[in-house]
PDB file of N, CA and C in Angstrom:
ATOM      1  N   UNK A   1      -4.647  -5.324 -30.678  1.00  0.00           N
ATOM      2  CA  UNK A   1      -3.548  -4.531 -30.162  1.00  0.00           C
ATOM      3  C   UNK A   1      -3.858  -4.023 -28.756  1.00  0.00           C
ATOM      4  N   UNK A   2      -5.115  -3.663 -28.526  1.00  0.00           N
ATOM      5  CA  UNK A   2      -5.496  -3.157 -27.206  1.00  0.00           C
ATOM      6  C   UNK A   2      -5.372  -4.231 -26.136  1.00  0.00           C
ATOM      7  N   UNK A   3      -5.642  -5.473 -26.500  1.00  0.00           N
ATOM      8  CA  UNK A   3      -5.563  -6.572 -25.540  1.00  0.00           C
ATOM      9  C   UNK A   3      -4.133  -6.708 -25.020  1.00  0.00           C
ATOM     10  N   UNK A   4      -3.159  -6.571 -25.910  1.00  0.00           N
ATOM     11  CA  UNK A   4      -1.763  -6.666 -25.483  1.00  0.00           C
ATOM     12  C   UNK A   4      -1.405  -5.527 -24.528  1.00  0.00           C
ATOM     13  N   UNK A   5      -1.902  -4.339 -24.822  1.00  0.00           N
ATOM     14  CA  UNK A   5      -1.634  -3.182 -23.970  1.00  0.00           C
ATOM     15  C   UNK A   5      -2.257  -3.381 -22.589  1.00  0.00           C
ATOM     16  N   UNK A   6      -3.515  -3.800 -22.547  1.00  0.00           N
ATOM     17  CA  UNK A   6      -4.174  -4.025 -21.264  1.00  0.00           C
ATOM     18  C   UNK A   6      -3.516  -5.174 -20.495  1.00  0.00           C
ATOM     19  N   UNK A   7      -3.102  -6.189 -21.208  1.00  0.00           N
ATOM     20  CA  UNK A   7      -2.402  -7.304 -20.569  1.00  0.00           C
ATOM     21  C   UNK A   7      -1.088  -6.864 -19.971  1.00  0.00           C
ATOM     22  N   UNK A   8      -0.347  -6.032 -20.696  1.00  0.00           N
ATOM     23  CA  UNK A   8       0.935  -5.520 -20.213  1.00  0.00           C
ATOM     24  C   UNK A   8       0.738  -4.636 -18.982  1.00  0.00           C
ATOM     25  N   UNK A   9      -0.245  -3.755 -19.024  1.00  0.00           N
ATOM     26  CA  UNK A   9      -0.551  -2.890 -17.875  1.00  0.00           C
ATOM     27  C   UNK A   9      -0.993  -3.747 -16.687  1.00  0.00           C
ATOM     28  N   UNK A  10      -1.762  -4.779 -16.944  1.00  0.00           N
ATOM     29  CA  UNK A  10      -2.206  -5.682 -15.878  1.00  0.00           C
ATOM     30  C   UNK A  10      -1.041  -6.414 -15.242  1.00  0.00           C
ATOM     31  N   UNK A  11      -0.083  -6.861 -16.048  1.00  0.00           N
ATOM     32  CA  UNK A  11       1.100  -7.535 -15.504  1.00  0.00           C
ATOM     33  C   UNK A  11       1.940  -6.585 -14.651  1.00  0.00           C
ATOM     34  N   UNK A  12       2.069  -5.345 -15.094  1.00  0.00           N
ATOM     35  CA  UNK A  12       2.814  -4.355 -14.305  1.00  0.00           C
ATOM     36  C   UNK A  12       2.110  -4.106 -12.968  1.00  0.00           C
ATOM     37  N   UNK A  13       0.791  -3.963 -13.001  1.00  0.00           N
ATOM     38  CA  UNK A  13       0.035  -3.749 -11.766  1.00  0.00           C
ATOM     39  C   UNK A  13       0.166  -4.945 -10.837  1.00  0.00           C
ATOM     40  N   UNK A  14       0.094  -6.139 -11.380  1.00  0.00           N
ATOM     41  CA  UNK A  14       0.236  -7.354 -10.580  1.00  0.00           C
ATOM     42  C   UNK A  14       1.624  -7.415  -9.944  1.00  0.00           C
ATOM     43  N   UNK A  15       2.653  -7.087 -10.703  1.00  0.00           N
ATOM     44  CA  UNK A  15       4.017  -7.069 -10.182  1.00  0.00           C
ATOM     45  C   UNK A  15       4.141  -6.080  -9.021  1.00  0.00           C
ATOM     46  N   UNK A  16       3.580  -4.884  -9.195  1.00  0.00           N
ATOM     47  CA  UNK A  16       3.667  -3.869  -8.137  1.00  0.00           C
ATOM     48  C   UNK A  16       2.920  -4.304  -6.875  1.00  0.00           C
ATOM     49  N   UNK A  17       1.780  -4.931  -7.047  1.00  0.00           N
ATOM     50  CA  UNK A  17       1.002  -5.405  -5.898  1.00  0.00           C
ATOM     51  C   UNK A  17       1.761  -6.494  -5.156  1.00  0.00           C
ATOM     52  N   UNK A  18       2.335  -7.439  -5.887  1.00  0.00           N
ATOM     53  CA  UNK A  18       3.098  -8.521  -5.245  1.00  0.00           C
ATOM     54  C   UNK A  18       4.325  -7.966  -4.539  1.00  0.00           C
ATOM     55  N   UNK A  19       5.023  -7.028  -5.175  1.00  0.00           N
ATOM     56  CA  UNK A  19       6.202  -6.420  -4.564  1.00  0.00           C
ATOM     57  C   UNK A  19       5.832  -5.721  -3.259  1.00  0.00           C
ATOM     58  N   UNK A  20       4.739  -4.965  -3.274  1.00  0.00           N
ATOM     59  CA  UNK A  20       4.292  -4.275  -2.066  1.00  0.00           C
ATOM     60  C   UNK A  20       3.926  -5.271  -0.975  1.00  0.00           C
ATOM     61  N   UNK A  21       3.236  -6.334  -1.331  1.00  0.00           N
ATOM     62  CA  UNK A  21       2.807  -7.329  -0.342  1.00  0.00           C
ATOM     63  C   UNK A  21       4.009  -8.025   0.288  1.00  0.00           C
ATOM     64  N   UNK A  22       5.013  -8.353  -0.517  1.00  0.00           N
ATOM     65  CA  UNK A  22       6.198  -9.010   0.017  1.00  0.00           C
ATOM     66  C   UNK A  22       6.957  -8.075   0.946  1.00  0.00           C
ATOM     67  N   UNK A  23       7.105  -6.822   0.561  1.00  0.00           N
ATOM     68  CA  UNK A  23       7.794  -5.854   1.430  1.00  0.00           C
ATOM     69  C   UNK A  23       7.054  -5.686   2.749  1.00  0.00           C
ATOM     70  N   UNK A  24       5.747  -5.556   2.695  1.00  0.00           N
ATOM     71  CA  UNK A  24       4.948  -5.386   3.911  1.00  0.00           C
ATOM     72  C   UNK A  24       5.057  -6.624   4.789  1.00  0.00           C
ATOM     73  N   UNK A  25       5.062  -7.790   4.177  1.00  0.00           N
ATOM     74  CA  UNK A  25       5.199  -9.039   4.929  1.00  0.00           C
ATOM     75  C   UNK A  25       6.542  -9.157   5.607  1.00  0.00           C
ATOM     76  N   UNK A  26       7.600  -8.741   4.933  1.00  0.00           N
ATOM     77  CA  UNK A  26       8.934  -8.800   5.526  1.00  0.00           C
ATOM     78  C   UNK A  26       9.024  -7.833   6.694  1.00  0.00           C
ATOM     79  N   UNK A  27       8.486  -6.623   6.532  1.00  0.00           N
ATOM     80  CA  UNK A  27       8.509  -5.656   7.629  1.00  0.00           C
ATOM     81  C   UNK A  27       7.735  -6.184   8.829  1.00  0.00           C
ATOM     82  N   UNK A  28       6.597  -6.807   8.572  1.00  0.00           N
ATOM     83  CA  UNK A  28       5.783  -7.345   9.661  1.00  0.00           C
ATOM     84  C   UNK A  28       6.509  -8.473  10.383  1.00  0.00           C
ATOM     85  N   UNK A  29       7.172  -9.327   9.631  1.00  0.00           N
ATOM     86  CA  UNK A  29       7.855 -10.447  10.271  1.00  0.00           C
ATOM     87  C   UNK A  29       9.024  -9.954  11.113  1.00  0.00           C
ATOM     88  N   UNK A  30       9.689  -8.888  10.695  1.00  0.00           N
ATOM     89  CA  UNK A  30      10.771  -8.316  11.496  1.00  0.00           C
ATOM     90  C   UNK A  30      10.225  -7.746  12.795  1.00  0.00           C
ATOM     91  N   UNK A  31       9.072  -7.100  12.721  1.00  0.00           N
ATOM     92  CA  UNK A  31       8.453  -6.540  13.925  1.00  0.00           C
ATOM     93  C   UNK A  31       8.036  -7.658  14.880  1.00  0.00           C
ATOM     94  N   UNK A  32       7.498  -8.737  14.345  1.00  0.00           N
ATOM     95  CA  UNK A  32       7.065  -9.858  15.179  1.00  0.00           C
ATOM     96  C   UNK A  32       8.272 -10.481  15.875  1.00  0.00           C
ATOM     97  N   UNK A  33       9.370 -10.650  15.148  1.00  0.00           N
ATOM     98  CA  UNK A  33      10.577 -11.211  15.754  1.00  0.00           C
ATOM     99  C   UNK A  33      11.105 -10.298  16.856  1.00  0.00           C
ATOM    100  N   UNK A  34      11.066  -8.992  16.630  1.00  0.00           N
ATOM    101  CA  UNK A  34      11.527  -8.048  17.637  1.00  0.00           C
ATOM    102  C   UNK A  34      10.644  -8.114  18.883  1.00  0.00           C
ATOM    103  N   UNK A  35       9.329  -8.214  18.687  1.00  0.00           N
ATOM    104  CA  UNK A  35       8.411  -8.320  19.825  1.00  0.00           C
ATOM    105  C   UNK A  35       8.644  -9.607  20.605  1.00  0.00           C
ATOM    106  N   UNK A  36       8.870 -10.699  19.905  1.00  0.00           N
ATOM    107  CA  UNK A  36       9.127 -11.975  20.581  1.00  0.00           C
ATOM    108  C   UNK A  36      10.394 -11.897  21.423  1.00  0.00           C
ATOM    109  N   UNK A  37      11.445 -11.311  20.865  1.00  0.00           N
ATOM    110  CA  UNK A  37      12.690 -11.213  21.628  1.00  0.00           C
ATOM    111  C   UNK A  37      12.511 -10.306  22.839  1.00  0.00           C
ATOM    112  N   UNK A  38      11.738  -9.242  22.696  1.00  0.00           N
ATOM    113  CA  UNK A  38      11.457  -8.363  23.839  1.00  0.00           C
ATOM    114  C   UNK A  38      10.678  -9.107  24.918  1.00  0.00           C
ATOM    115  N   UNK A  39       9.674  -9.873  24.504  1.00  0.00           N
ATOM    116  CA  UNK A  39       8.890 -10.626  25.474  1.00  0.00           C
ATOM    117  C   UNK A  39       9.743 -11.666  26.198  1.00  0.00           C
ATOM    118  N   UNK A  40      10.653 -12.309  25.481  1.00  0.00           N
ATOM    119  CA  UNK A  40      11.555 -13.273  26.121  1.00  0.00           C
ATOM    120  C   UNK A  40      12.439 -12.578  27.146  1.00  0.00           C
ATOM    121  N   UNK A  41      12.919 -11.401  26.805  1.00  0.00           N
ATOM    122  CA  UNK A  41      13.782 -10.644  27.723  1.00  0.00           C
ATOM    123  C   UNK A  41      13.004 -10.216  28.965  1.00  0.00           C
ATOM    124  N   UNK A  42      11.769  -9.764  28.784  1.00  0.00           N
ATOM    125  CA  UNK A  42      10.934  -9.365  29.927  1.00  0.00           C
ATOM    126  C   UNK A  42      10.659 -10.569  30.817  1.00  0.00           C
ATOM    127  N   UNK A  43      10.352 -11.705  30.213  1.00  0.00           N
ATOM    128  CA  UNK A  43      10.084 -12.929  30.976  1.00  0.00           C
ATOM    129  C   UNK A  43      11.323 -13.329  31.776  1.00  0.00           C
ATOM    130  N   UNK A  44      12.489 -13.221  31.153  1.00  0.00           N
ATOM    131  CA  UNK A  44      13.740 -13.546  31.828  1.00  0.00           C
ATOM    132  C   UNK A  44      13.973 -12.605  33.014  1.00  0.00           C
ATOM    133  N   UNK A  45      13.708 -11.318  32.837  1.00  0.00           N
ATOM    134  CA  UNK A  45      13.876 -10.345  33.912  1.00  0.00           C
ATOM    135  C   UNK A  45      12.899 -10.612  35.049  1.00  0.00           C
ATOM    136  N   UNK A  46      11.669 -11.019  34.714  1.00  0.00           N
ATOM    137  CA  UNK A  46      10.682 -11.319  35.754  1.00  0.00           C
ATOM    138  C   UNK A  46      11.110 -12.535  36.568  1.00  0.00           C
ATOM    139  N   UNK A  47      11.667 -13.540  35.892  1.00  0.00           N
ATOM    140  CA  UNK A  47      12.163 -14.711  36.618  1.00  0.00           C
ATOM    141  C   UNK A  47      13.310 -14.320  37.529  1.00  0.00           C
ATOM    142  N   UNK A  48      14.201 -13.459  37.065  1.00  0.00           N
ATOM    143  CA  UNK A  48      15.317 -12.997  37.892  1.00  0.00           C
ATOM    144  C   UNK A  48      14.805 -12.248  39.124  1.00  0.00           C
ATOM    145  N   UNK A  49      13.801 -11.383  38.922  1.00  0.00           N
ATOM    146  CA  UNK A  49      13.252 -10.639  40.067  1.00  0.00           C
ATOM    147  C   UNK A  49      12.561 -11.575  41.050  1.00  0.00           C
ATOM    148  N   UNK A  50      11.842 -12.553  40.521  1.00  0.00           N
ATOM    149  CA  UNK A  50      11.151 -13.512  41.375  1.00  0.00           C
ATOM    150  C   UNK A  50      12.184 -14.352  42.135  1.00  0.00           C
ATOM    151  N   UNK A  51      13.271 -14.706  41.502  1.00  0.00           N
ATOM    152  CA  UNK A  51      14.327 -15.478  42.156  1.00  0.00           C
ATOM    153  C   UNK A  51      15.022 -14.696  43.239  1.00  0.00           C
ATOM    154  N   UNK A  52      15.156 -13.393  43.072  1.00  0.00           N
ATOM    155  CA  UNK A  52      15.811 -12.552  44.068  1.00  0.00           C
ATOM    156  C   UNK A  52      14.956 -12.370  45.320  1.00  0.00           C
ATOM    157  N   UNK A  53      13.635 -12.440  45.162  1.00  0.00           N
ATOM    158  CA  UNK A  53      12.739 -12.245  46.308  1.00  0.00           C
ATOM    159  C   UNK A  53      12.742 -13.465  47.237  1.00  0.00           C
ATOM    160  N   UNK A  54      13.018 -14.636  46.691  1.00  0.00           N
ATOM    161  CA  UNK A  54      12.961 -15.860  47.504  1.00  0.00           C
ATOM    162  C   UNK A  54      14.153 -15.994  48.378  1.00  0.00           C
TER     163      UNK A  54
END
């Protein structure tokens, strides 16, 4: 009987760990996408400034 209880608690813990990891991964990927878009915008602005100087 104890084995079933420990197995059930282990499955719940595993579920919570996976859920946390997926949420953290999604948040990180959103931040990375935001940083990439910012870098593209900065690069575009630098090209515009360089073009205006010529």
